[in-house]
Amino acid sequence: MHAIRKHWGIKRMHWILDITFREDASRIRKGDSPENMAILRHIAINTLKKYTSVKDSMPGKMQRAALSDGFREEVLNKVLKISTNN
């Protein structure tokens, strides 16, 4: 059962990358760029997942962060505080 849950967790992550970040449509292909962008996408997903003060979908949180410097700062401050306290 644990292996099955882990498998579907990975599938969910890939679904978020494909739908939210349109990773499959990415034209980034040269050098280390694809791997670097994948790392940045994973950081963004994990950061927004940890931020639970706003009940919104992943695309909703991404849009808020893109449009509002204050929201982006709030997310980063809260997540960094959580990370440094643990």
Protein backbone atom coordinates (compact mmCIF):
# COMPACT_ATOMS: atom_id res chain seq x y z
CA MET A 1 0.00 0.00 0.00
CA HIS A 2 2.86 2.37 0.82
CA ALA A 3 4.42 1.83 -2.63
CA ILE A 4 1.09 2.51 -4.33
CA ARG A 5 0.57 5.75 -2.37
CA LYS A 6 4.11 6.85 -3.16
CA HIS A 7 3.56 6.11 -6.87
CA TRP A 8 0.38 8.22 -6.98
CA GLY A 9 2.14 11.02 -5.10
CA ILE A 10 4.74 11.12 -7.85
CA LYS A 11 2.01 11.04 -10.51
CA ARG A 12 0.28 13.98 -8.78
CA MET A 13 3.53 15.98 -8.82
CA HIS A 14 3.97 15.32 -12.54
CA TRP A 15 0.36 16.31 -13.17
CA ILE A 16 0.92 19.63 -11.38
CA LEU A 17 4.09 20.23 -13.40
CA ASP A 18 2.32 19.40 -16.67
CA ILE A 19 -0.89 21.34 -16.07
CA THR A 20 0.21 24.28 -13.95
CA PHE A 21 3.68 24.90 -15.36
CA ARG A 22 3.06 23.45 -18.84
CA GLU A 23 6.33 21.59 -18.47
CA ASP A 24 5.69 19.31 -21.45
CA ALA A 25 5.34 22.36 -23.72
CA SER A 26 8.59 23.90 -22.51
CA ARG A 27 11.06 24.77 -25.26
CA ILE A 28 14.03 24.88 -22.88
CA ARG A 29 16.41 22.24 -24.20
CA LYS A 30 20.06 23.41 -24.19
CA GLY A 31 22.73 22.53 -21.67
CA ASP A 32 21.74 22.41 -18.03
CA SER A 33 18.73 24.69 -18.54
CA PRO A 34 16.04 21.95 -18.47
CA GLU A 35 17.35 20.55 -15.19
CA ASN A 36 17.73 24.02 -13.67
CA MET A 37 14.16 24.96 -14.60
CA ALA A 38 12.86 21.65 -13.20
CA ILE A 39 14.56 22.45 -9.89
CA LEU A 40 13.03 25.95 -9.82
CA ARG A 41 9.57 24.53 -10.61
CA HIS A 42 9.88 22.01 -7.76
CA ILE A 43 10.97 24.77 -5.37
CA ALA A 44 7.96 26.86 -6.40
CA ILE A 45 5.53 23.95 -5.95
CA ASN A 46 6.93 22.99 -2.55
CA THR A 47 6.94 26.61 -1.36
CA LEU A 48 3.32 27.18 -2.37
CA LYS A 49 2.24 23.84 -0.87
CA LYS A 50 3.76 24.82 2.49
CA TYR A 51 1.92 28.17 2.42
CA THR A 52 -1.50 27.28 3.81
CA SER A 53 -2.69 30.68 5.04
CA VAL A 54 -4.65 31.17 1.82
CA LYS A 55 -7.00 28.41 0.67
CA ASP A 56 -6.55 28.53 -3.08
CA SER A 57 -5.52 26.22 -5.90
CA MET A 58 -1.93 26.00 -7.04
CA PRO A 59 -2.62 28.12 -10.16
CA GLY A 60 -4.47 30.62 -7.95
CA LYS A 61 -1.55 30.95 -5.57
CA MET A 62 0.84 31.27 -8.51
CA GLN A 63 -1.25 34.04 -10.03
CA ARG A 64 -1.45 35.91 -6.73
CA ALA A 65 2.33 35.62 -6.32
CA ALA A 66 2.91 36.84 -9.88
CA LEU A 67 0.67 39.89 -9.45
CA SER A 68 1.44 40.96 -5.91
CA ASP A 69 4.87 41.70 -4.47
CA GLY A 70 3.31 41.74 -0.99
CA PHE A 71 1.77 38.28 -1.34
CA ARG A 72 5.03 36.86 -2.73
CA GLU A 73 6.96 38.38 0.16
CA GLU A 74 4.43 37.01 2.67
CA VAL A 75 4.70 33.50 1.20
CA LEU A 76 8.48 33.52 1.24
CA ASN A 77 8.70 34.97 4.76
CA LYS A 78 6.26 32.46 6.21
CA VAL A 79 7.79 29.44 4.47
CA LEU A 80 11.34 30.47 5.38
CA LYS A 81 10.29 30.89 9.01
CA ILE A 82 8.72 27.42 8.97
CA SER A 83 11.85 25.92 7.40
CA THR A 84 14.26 27.56 9.84
CA ASN A 85 12.18 26.59 12.89
CA ASN A 86 12.17 22.87 12.04
